[in-house]
């Protein structure tokens, strides 16, 4: 193994369109809300939270992915826990 291989071992690049699996639990900020509920954006991926109130905008939440379409990078989720607005 070369010095460069050793130095770069374990490095990965982040994608702007992460994909998620149903049942996966993630932590993220609610970035927006509309008449259909809250919206979480992670890169260019968007997860709708139909059970979230507009009051959760800018709050950190733990959410469970219920569906995700990797071709459009859109999905739905449910709020598991509200962590708070400033944590």
PDB file of N, CA and C in Angstrom:
ATOM      1  N   UNK A   1       0.852  -1.172   0.000  1.00  0.00           N
ATOM      2  CA  UNK A   1       0.000   0.000   0.000  1.00  0.00           C
ATOM      3  C   UNK A   1       0.898   1.235   0.000  1.00  0.00           C
ATOM      4  N   UNK A   2       0.633   2.138  -0.915  1.00  0.00           N
ATOM      5  CA  UNK A   2       1.445   3.346  -1.019  1.00  0.00           C
ATOM      6  C   UNK A   2       1.071   4.340   0.076  1.00  0.00           C
ATOM      7  N   UNK A   3       1.900   5.358   0.223  1.00  0.00           N
ATOM      8  CA  UNK A   3       1.634   6.411   1.201  1.00  0.00           C
ATOM      9  C   UNK A   3       0.313   7.090   0.887  1.00  0.00           C
ATOM     10  N   UNK A   4       0.041   7.359  -0.391  1.00  0.00           N
ATOM     11  CA  UNK A   4      -1.195   8.025  -0.791  1.00  0.00           C
ATOM     12  C   UNK A   4      -2.409   7.143  -0.491  1.00  0.00           C
ATOM     13  N   UNK A   5      -2.305   5.854  -0.768  1.00  0.00           N
ATOM     14  CA  UNK A   5      -3.403   4.931  -0.445  1.00  0.00           C
ATOM     15  C   UNK A   5      -3.688   4.925   1.054  1.00  0.00           C
ATOM     16  N   UNK A   6      -2.636   4.935   1.845  1.00  0.00           N
ATOM     17  CA  UNK A   6      -2.795   4.957   3.303  1.00  0.00           C
ATOM     18  C   UNK A   6      -3.448   6.253   3.756  1.00  0.00           C
ATOM     19  N   UNK A   7      -3.026   7.359   3.150  1.00  0.00           N
ATOM     20  CA  UNK A   7      -3.564   8.665   3.517  1.00  0.00           C
ATOM     21  C   UNK A   7      -5.050   8.775   3.170  1.00  0.00           C
ATOM     22  N   UNK A   8      -5.443   8.236   2.031  1.00  0.00           N
ATOM     23  CA  UNK A   8      -6.826   8.354   1.562  1.00  0.00           C
ATOM     24  C   UNK A   8      -7.731   7.213   2.027  1.00  0.00           C
ATOM     25  N   UNK A   9      -7.205   6.271   2.785  1.00  0.00           N
ATOM     26  CA  UNK A   9      -7.998   5.131   3.246  1.00  0.00           C
ATOM     27  C   UNK A   9      -9.201   5.602   4.057  1.00  0.00           C
ATOM     28  N   UNK A  10     -10.382   5.139   3.679  1.00  0.00           N
ATOM     29  CA  UNK A  10     -11.601   5.479   4.404  1.00  0.00           C
ATOM     30  C   UNK A  10     -12.275   6.757   3.944  1.00  0.00           C
ATOM     31  N   UNK A  11     -11.648   7.515   3.050  1.00  0.00           N
ATOM     32  CA  UNK A  11     -12.267   8.743   2.558  1.00  0.00           C
ATOM     33  C   UNK A  11     -13.391   8.403   1.595  1.00  0.00           C
ATOM     34  N   UNK A  12     -14.468   9.121   1.697  1.00  0.00           N
ATOM     35  CA  UNK A  12     -15.568   8.991   0.745  1.00  0.00           C
ATOM     36  C   UNK A  12     -16.052  10.383   0.386  1.00  0.00           C
ATOM     37  N   UNK A  13     -16.688  10.497  -0.738  1.00  0.00           N
ATOM     38  CA  UNK A  13     -17.259  11.768  -1.145  1.00  0.00           C
ATOM     39  C   UNK A  13     -18.754  11.744  -0.889  1.00  0.00           C
ATOM     40  N   UNK A  14     -19.257  12.866  -0.416  1.00  0.00           N
ATOM     41  CA  UNK A  14     -20.679  12.999  -0.164  1.00  0.00           C
ATOM     42  C   UNK A  14     -21.387  13.340  -1.455  1.00  0.00           C
ATOM     43  N   UNK A  15     -22.568  12.792  -1.642  1.00  0.00           N
ATOM     44  CA  UNK A  15     -23.360  13.099  -2.819  1.00  0.00           C
ATOM     45  C   UNK A  15     -24.355  14.204  -2.492  1.00  0.00           C
ATOM     46  N   UNK A  16     -24.761  14.954  -3.496  1.00  0.00           N
ATOM     47  CA  UNK A  16     -25.769  15.993  -3.271  1.00  0.00           C
ATOM     48  C   UNK A  16     -27.175  15.413  -3.310  1.00  0.00           C
ATOM     49  N   UNK A  17     -27.288  14.145  -3.674  1.00  0.00           N
ATOM     50  CA  UNK A  17     -28.597  13.492  -3.729  1.00  0.00           C
ATOM     51  C   UNK A  17     -28.563  12.164  -2.982  1.00  0.00           C
ATOM     52  N   UNK A  18     -28.495  12.221  -1.653  1.00  0.00           N
ATOM     53  CA  UNK A  18     -28.467  10.965  -0.898  1.00  0.00           C
ATOM     54  C   UNK A  18     -29.783  10.210  -1.034  1.00  0.00           C
ATOM     55  N   UNK A  19     -29.717   8.895  -0.995  1.00  0.00           N
ATOM     56  CA  UNK A  19     -30.896   8.037  -1.059  1.00  0.00           C
ATOM     57  C   UNK A  19     -31.099   7.377   0.301  1.00  0.00           C
ATOM     58  N   UNK A  20     -32.337   7.047   0.599  1.00  0.00           N
ATOM     59  CA  UNK A  20     -32.686   6.464   1.886  1.00  0.00           C
ATOM     60  C   UNK A  20     -33.554   5.236   1.676  1.00  0.00           C
ATOM     61  N   UNK A  21     -33.559   4.367   2.657  1.00  0.00           N
ATOM     62  CA  UNK A  21     -34.356   3.142   2.619  1.00  0.00           C
ATOM     63  C   UNK A  21     -35.521   3.262   3.590  1.00  0.00           C
ATOM     64  N   UNK A  22     -36.701   2.736   3.233  1.00  0.00           N
ATOM     65  CA  UNK A  22     -37.815   2.723   4.189  1.00  0.00           C
ATOM     66  C   UNK A  22     -37.400   2.016   5.480  1.00  0.00           C
ATOM     67  N   UNK A  23     -37.776   2.613   6.603  1.00  0.00           N
ATOM     68  CA  UNK A  23     -37.410   2.078   7.903  1.00  0.00           C
ATOM     69  C   UNK A  23     -36.157   2.709   8.478  1.00  0.00           C
ATOM     70  N   UNK A  24     -35.375   3.382   7.642  1.00  0.00           N
ATOM     71  CA  UNK A  24     -34.159   4.043   8.102  1.00  0.00           C
ATOM     72  C   UNK A  24     -34.544   5.247   8.966  1.00  0.00           C
ATOM     73  N   UNK A  25     -33.857   5.431  10.084  1.00  0.00           N
ATOM     74  CA  UNK A  25     -34.107   6.556  10.981  1.00  0.00           C
ATOM     75  C   UNK A  25     -32.932   7.513  10.858  1.00  0.00           C
ATOM     76  N   UNK A  26     -33.231   8.792  10.581  1.00  0.00           N
ATOM     77  CA  UNK A  26     -32.194   9.805  10.415  1.00  0.00           C
ATOM     78  C   UNK A  26     -32.523  11.018  11.280  1.00  0.00           C
ATOM     79  N   UNK A  27     -31.544  11.865  11.470  1.00  0.00           N
ATOM     80  CA  UNK A  27     -31.724  13.120  12.195  1.00  0.00           C
ATOM     81  C   UNK A  27     -31.472  14.253  11.215  1.00  0.00           C
ATOM     82  N   UNK A  28     -32.388  15.225  11.174  1.00  0.00           N
ATOM     83  CA  UNK A  28     -32.269  16.338  10.239  1.00  0.00           C
ATOM     84  C   UNK A  28     -33.096  17.520  10.726  1.00  0.00           C
ATOM     85  N   UNK A  29     -32.919  18.649  10.071  1.00  0.00           N
ATOM     86  CA  UNK A  29     -33.699  19.841  10.383  1.00  0.00           C
ATOM     87  C   UNK A  29     -34.884  19.951   9.436  1.00  0.00           C
ATOM     88  N   UNK A  30     -36.043  20.350   9.961  1.00  0.00           N
ATOM     89  CA  UNK A  30     -37.201  20.654   9.135  1.00  0.00           C
ATOM     90  C   UNK A  30     -36.914  22.022   8.535  1.00  0.00           C
ATOM     91  N   UNK A  31     -36.836  22.093   7.212  1.00  0.00           N
ATOM     92  CA  UNK A  31     -36.423  23.329   6.553  1.00  0.00           C
ATOM     93  C   UNK A  31     -37.581  24.186   6.093  1.00  0.00           C
ATOM     94  N   UNK A  32     -38.757  23.597   5.930  1.00  0.00           N
ATOM     95  CA  UNK A  32     -39.880  24.337   5.375  1.00  0.00           C
ATOM     96  C   UNK A  32     -41.167  23.599   5.720  1.00  0.00           C
ATOM     97  N   UNK A  33     -42.291  24.260   5.491  1.00  0.00           N
ATOM     98  CA  UNK A  33     -43.602  23.634   5.687  1.00  0.00           C
ATOM     99  C   UNK A  33     -44.577  24.237   4.689  1.00  0.00           C
ATOM    100  N   UNK A  34     -45.562  23.449   4.298  1.00  0.00           N
ATOM    101  CA  UNK A  34     -46.639  23.931   3.453  1.00  0.00           C
ATOM    102  C   UNK A  34     -47.934  23.289   3.930  1.00  0.00           C
ATOM    103  N   UNK A  35     -48.972  23.364   3.146  1.00  0.00           N
ATOM    104  CA  UNK A  35     -50.275  22.832   3.549  1.00  0.00           C
ATOM    105  C   UNK A  35     -50.253  21.316   3.753  1.00  0.00           C
ATOM    106  N   UNK A  36     -49.257  20.636   3.174  1.00  0.00           N
ATOM    107  CA  UNK A  36     -49.168  19.174   3.276  1.00  0.00           C
ATOM    108  C   UNK A  36     -48.298  18.711   4.440  1.00  0.00           C
ATOM    109  N   UNK A  37     -47.661  19.633   5.167  1.00  0.00           N
ATOM    110  CA  UNK A  37     -46.826  19.257   6.305  1.00  0.00           C
ATOM    111  C   UNK A  37     -45.431  19.827   6.195  1.00  0.00           C
ATOM    112  N   UNK A  38     -44.515  19.245   6.964  1.00  0.00           N
ATOM    113  CA  UNK A  38     -43.135  19.710   6.986  1.00  0.00           C
ATOM    114  C   UNK A  38     -42.309  19.134   5.856  1.00  0.00           C
ATOM    115  N   UNK A  39     -41.171  19.772   5.593  1.00  0.00           N
ATOM    116  CA  UNK A  39     -40.269  19.326   4.541  1.00  0.00           C
ATOM    117  C   UNK A  39     -38.844  19.327   5.097  1.00  0.00           C
ATOM    118  N   UNK A  40     -38.146  18.221   4.874  1.00  0.00           N
ATOM    119  CA  UNK A  40     -36.734  18.093   5.226  1.00  0.00           C
ATOM    120  C   UNK A  40     -35.969  18.000   3.920  1.00  0.00           C
ATOM    121  N   UNK A  41     -34.936  18.831   3.787  1.00  0.00           N
ATOM    122  CA  UNK A  41     -34.079  18.770   2.604  1.00  0.00           C
ATOM    123  C   UNK A  41     -32.679  18.378   3.057  1.00  0.00           C
ATOM    124  N   UNK A  42     -32.163  17.342   2.418  1.00  0.00           N
ATOM    125  CA  UNK A  42     -30.792  16.905   2.665  1.00  0.00           C
ATOM    126  C   UNK A  42     -30.128  16.884   1.296  1.00  0.00           C
ATOM    127  N   UNK A  43     -29.296  17.875   1.046  1.00  0.00           N
ATOM    128  CA  UNK A  43     -28.772  18.062  -0.304  1.00  0.00           C
ATOM    129  C   UNK A  43     -29.936  18.381  -1.223  1.00  0.00           C
ATOM    130  N   UNK A  44     -30.016  17.682  -2.348  1.00  0.00           N
ATOM    131  CA  UNK A  44     -31.129  17.873  -3.270  1.00  0.00           C
ATOM    132  C   UNK A  44     -32.262  16.893  -3.006  1.00  0.00           C
ATOM    133  N   UNK A  45     -32.118  16.016  -2.024  1.00  0.00           N
ATOM    134  CA  UNK A  45     -33.183  15.073  -1.666  1.00  0.00           C
ATOM    135  C   UNK A  45     -34.201  15.779  -0.772  1.00  0.00           C
ATOM    136  N   UNK A  46     -35.480  15.438  -0.959  1.00  0.00           N
ATOM    137  CA  UNK A  46     -36.549  16.074  -0.197  1.00  0.00           C
ATOM    138  C   UNK A  46     -37.433  15.004   0.430  1.00  0.00           C
ATOM    139  N   UNK A  47     -37.674  15.140   1.731  1.00  0.00           N
ATOM    140  CA  UNK A  47     -38.531  14.199   2.456  1.00  0.00           C
ATOM    141  C   UNK A  47     -39.688  14.986   3.059  1.00  0.00           C
ATOM    142  N   UNK A  48     -40.901  14.600   2.702  1.00  0.00           N
ATOM    143  CA  UNK A  48     -42.102  15.248   3.240  1.00  0.00           C
ATOM    144  C   UNK A  48     -42.500  14.573   4.548  1.00  0.00           C
ATOM    145  N   UNK A  49     -42.928  15.397   5.492  1.00  0.00           N
ATOM    146  CA  UNK A  49     -43.396  14.908   6.792  1.00  0.00           C
ATOM    147  C   UNK A  49     -44.858  15.337   6.958  1.00  0.00           C
ATOM    148  N   UNK A  50     -45.801  14.510   6.500  1.00  0.00           N
ATOM    149  CA  UNK A  50     -47.204  14.909   6.548  1.00  0.00           C
ATOM    150  C   UNK A  50     -47.726  15.138   7.968  1.00  0.00           C
ATOM    151  N   UNK A  51     -47.098  14.533   8.965  1.00  0.00           N
ATOM    152  CA  UNK A  51     -47.569  14.669  10.346  1.00  0.00           C
ATOM    153  C   UNK A  51     -46.920  15.831  11.089  1.00  0.00           C
ATOM    154  N   UNK A  52     -46.056  16.610  10.412  1.00  0.00           N
ATOM    155  CA  UNK A  52     -45.326  17.690  11.073  1.00  0.00           C
ATOM    156  C   UNK A  52     -46.069  19.018  10.965  1.00  0.00           C
ATOM    157  N   UNK A  53     -46.086  19.763  12.062  1.00  0.00           N
ATOM    158  CA  UNK A  53     -46.685  21.093  12.084  1.00  0.00           C
ATOM    159  C   UNK A  53     -45.693  22.122  11.552  1.00  0.00           C
ATOM    160  N   UNK A  54     -46.229  23.240  11.094  1.00  0.00           N
ATOM    161  CA  UNK A  54     -45.382  24.334  10.613  1.00  0.00           C
ATOM    162  C   UNK A  54     -44.487  24.874  11.727  1.00  0.00           C
ATOM    163  N   UNK A  55     -44.867  24.660  12.977  1.00  0.00           N
ATOM    164  CA  UNK A  55     -44.067  25.118  14.115  1.00  0.00           C
ATOM    165  C   UNK A  55     -42.714  24.410  14.206  1.00  0.00           C
ATOM    166  N   UNK A  56     -42.566  23.291  13.511  1.00  0.00           N
ATOM    167  CA  UNK A  56     -41.313  22.535  13.557  1.00  0.00           C
ATOM    168  C   UNK A  56     -40.248  23.065  12.607  1.00  0.00           C
ATOM    169  N   UNK A  57     -40.572  24.056  11.788  1.00  0.00           N
ATOM    170  CA  UNK A  57     -39.577  24.618  10.872  1.00  0.00           C
ATOM    171  C   UNK A  57     -38.391  25.124  11.688  1.00  0.00           C
ATOM    172  N   UNK A  58     -37.202  24.766  11.244  1.00  0.00           N
ATOM    173  CA  UNK A  58     -35.916  25.069  11.881  1.00  0.00           C
ATOM    174  C   UNK A  58     -35.672  24.248  13.140  1.00  0.00           C
ATOM    175  N   UNK A  59     -36.475  23.217  13.371  1.00  0.00           N
ATOM    176  CA  UNK A  59     -36.249  22.313  14.499  1.00  0.00           C
ATOM    177  C   UNK A  59     -35.539  21.056  14.016  1.00  0.00           C
ATOM    178  N   UNK A  60     -34.705  20.523  14.884  1.00  0.00           N
ATOM    179  CA  UNK A  60     -34.018  19.268  14.612  1.00  0.00           C
ATOM    180  C   UNK A  60     -34.927  18.131  15.047  1.00  0.00           C
ATOM    181  N   UNK A  61     -35.137  17.157  14.153  1.00  0.00           N
ATOM    182  CA  UNK A  61     -36.026  16.032  14.454  1.00  0.00           C
ATOM    183  C   UNK A  61     -35.347  14.719  14.091  1.00  0.00           C
ATOM    184  N   UNK A  62     -35.782  13.674  14.722  1.00  0.00           N
ATOM    185  CA  UNK A  62     -35.415  12.317  14.333  1.00  0.00           C
ATOM    186  C   UNK A  62     -36.624  11.806  13.566  1.00  0.00           C
ATOM    187  N   UNK A  63     -36.407  11.286  12.367  1.00  0.00           N
ATOM    188  CA  UNK A  63     -37.530  10.841  11.547  1.00  0.00           C
ATOM    189  C   UNK A  63     -37.257   9.482  10.942  1.00  0.00           C
ATOM    190  N   UNK A  64     -38.343   8.766  10.696  1.00  0.00           N
ATOM    191  CA  UNK A  64     -38.245   7.457  10.054  1.00  0.00           C
ATOM    192  C   UNK A  64     -38.735   7.587   8.622  1.00  0.00           C
ATOM    193  N   UNK A  65     -37.941   7.113   7.684  1.00  0.00           N
ATOM    194  CA  UNK A  65     -38.309   7.145   6.273  1.00  0.00           C
ATOM    195  C   UNK A  65     -39.396   6.089   6.047  1.00  0.00           C
ATOM    196  N   UNK A  66     -40.519   6.501   5.447  1.00  0.00           N
ATOM    197  CA  UNK A  66     -41.589   5.543   5.151  1.00  0.00           C
ATOM    198  C   UNK A  66     -41.594   5.132   3.688  1.00  0.00           C
ATOM    199  N   UNK A  67     -41.126   6.018   2.810  1.00  0.00           N
ATOM    200  CA  UNK A  67     -41.015   5.710   1.381  1.00  0.00           C
ATOM    201  C   UNK A  67     -39.973   6.637   0.781  1.00  0.00           C
ATOM    202  N   UNK A  68     -39.266   6.150  -0.256  1.00  0.00           N
ATOM    203  CA  UNK A  68     -38.283   6.996  -0.927  1.00  0.00           C
ATOM    204  C   UNK A  68     -38.116   6.520  -2.358  1.00  0.00           C
ATOM    205  N   UNK A  69     -38.215   7.454  -3.302  1.00  0.00           N
ATOM    206  CA  UNK A  69     -38.036   7.167  -4.722  1.00  0.00           C
ATOM    207  C   UNK A  69     -36.661   7.685  -5.139  1.00  0.00           C
ATOM    208  N   UNK A  70     -35.740   6.776  -5.379  1.00  0.00           N
ATOM    209  CA  UNK A  70     -34.366   7.148  -5.704  1.00  0.00           C
ATOM    210  C   UNK A  70     -34.242   7.795  -7.079  1.00  0.00           C
ATOM    211  N   UNK A  71     -35.250   7.666  -7.934  1.00  0.00           N
ATOM    212  CA  UNK A  71     -35.173   8.301  -9.259  1.00  0.00           C
ATOM    213  C   UNK A  71     -35.528   9.782  -9.193  1.00  0.00           C
ATOM    214  N   UNK A  72     -36.363  10.186  -8.233  1.00  0.00           N
ATOM    215  CA  UNK A  72     -36.732  11.596  -8.086  1.00  0.00           C
ATOM    216  C   UNK A  72     -36.114  12.223  -6.839  1.00  0.00           C
ATOM    217  N   UNK A  73     -35.515  11.408  -5.998  1.00  0.00           N
ATOM    218  CA  UNK A  73     -34.919  11.842  -4.731  1.00  0.00           C
ATOM    219  C   UNK A  73     -35.942  12.504  -3.818  1.00  0.00           C
ATOM    220  N   UNK A  74     -37.155  11.949  -3.813  1.00  0.00           N
ATOM    221  CA  UNK A  74     -38.213  12.446  -2.947  1.00  0.00           C
ATOM    222  C   UNK A  74     -38.800  11.288  -2.169  1.00  0.00           C
ATOM    223  N   UNK A  75     -39.232  11.586  -0.938  1.00  0.00           N
ATOM    224  CA  UNK A  75     -39.810  10.547  -0.117  1.00  0.00           C
ATOM    225  C   UNK A  75     -40.707  11.123   0.953  1.00  0.00           C
ATOM    226  N   UNK A  76     -41.168  10.245   1.830  1.00  0.00           N
ATOM    227  CA  UNK A  76     -41.996  10.651   2.960  1.00  0.00           C
ATOM    228  C   UNK A  76     -41.418  10.032   4.226  1.00  0.00           C
ATOM    229  N   UNK A  77     -41.767  10.640   5.339  1.00  0.00           N
ATOM    230  CA  UNK A  77     -41.300  10.138   6.620  1.00  0.00           C
ATOM    231  C   UNK A  77     -42.245  10.543   7.728  1.00  0.00           C
ATOM    232  N   UNK A  78     -42.008  10.004   8.908  1.00  0.00           N
ATOM    233  CA  UNK A  78     -42.788  10.369  10.085  1.00  0.00           C
ATOM    234  C   UNK A  78     -41.823  10.807  11.183  1.00  0.00           C
ATOM    235  N   UNK A  79     -42.252  11.788  11.930  1.00  0.00           N
ATOM    236  CA  UNK A  79     -41.433  12.305  13.021  1.00  0.00           C
ATOM    237  C   UNK A  79     -41.452  11.300  14.171  1.00  0.00           C
ATOM    238  N   UNK A  80     -40.283  10.877  14.609  1.00  0.00           N
ATOM    239  CA  UNK A  80     -40.143   9.955  15.732  1.00  0.00           C
ATOM    240  C   UNK A  80     -39.937  10.742  17.021  1.00  0.00           C
ATOM    241  N   UNK A  81     -39.126  11.806  16.924  1.00  0.00           N
ATOM    242  CA  UNK A  81     -38.792  12.594  18.110  1.00  0.00           C
ATOM    243  C   UNK A  81     -38.396  14.002  17.687  1.00  0.00           C
ATOM    244  N   UNK A  82     -38.854  14.984  18.425  1.00  0.00           N
ATOM    245  CA  UNK A  82     -38.407  16.362  18.216  1.00  0.00           C
ATOM    246  C   UNK A  82     -37.259  16.587  19.176  1.00  0.00           C
ATOM    247  N   UNK A  83     -36.089  16.867  18.624  1.00  0.00           N
ATOM    248  CA  UNK A  83     -34.904  17.063  19.445  1.00  0.00           C
ATOM    249  C   UNK A  83     -34.850  18.490  19.954  1.00  0.00           C
ATOM    250  N   UNK A  84     -35.259  19.439  19.129  1.00  0.00           N
ATOM    251  CA  UNK A  84     -35.313  20.821  19.575  1.00  0.00           C
ATOM    252  C   UNK A  84     -34.885  21.796  18.507  1.00  0.00           C
ATOM    253  N   UNK A  85     -35.142  23.071  18.744  1.00  0.00           N
ATOM    254  CA  UNK A  85     -34.796  24.075  17.737  1.00  0.00           C
ATOM    255  C   UNK A  85     -33.322  24.457  17.712  1.00  0.00           C
ATOM    256  N   UNK A  86     -32.580  24.217  18.799  1.00  0.00           N
ATOM    257  CA  UNK A  86     -31.214  24.727  18.858  1.00  0.00           C
ATOM    258  C   UNK A  86     -30.191  23.713  19.299  1.00  0.00           C
ATOM    259  N   UNK A  87     -30.451  22.454  19.120  1.00  0.00           N
ATOM    260  CA  UNK A  87     -29.482  21.442  19.582  1.00  0.00           C
ATOM    261  C   UNK A  87     -28.764  20.809  18.429  1.00  0.00           C
TER     262      UNK A  87
END
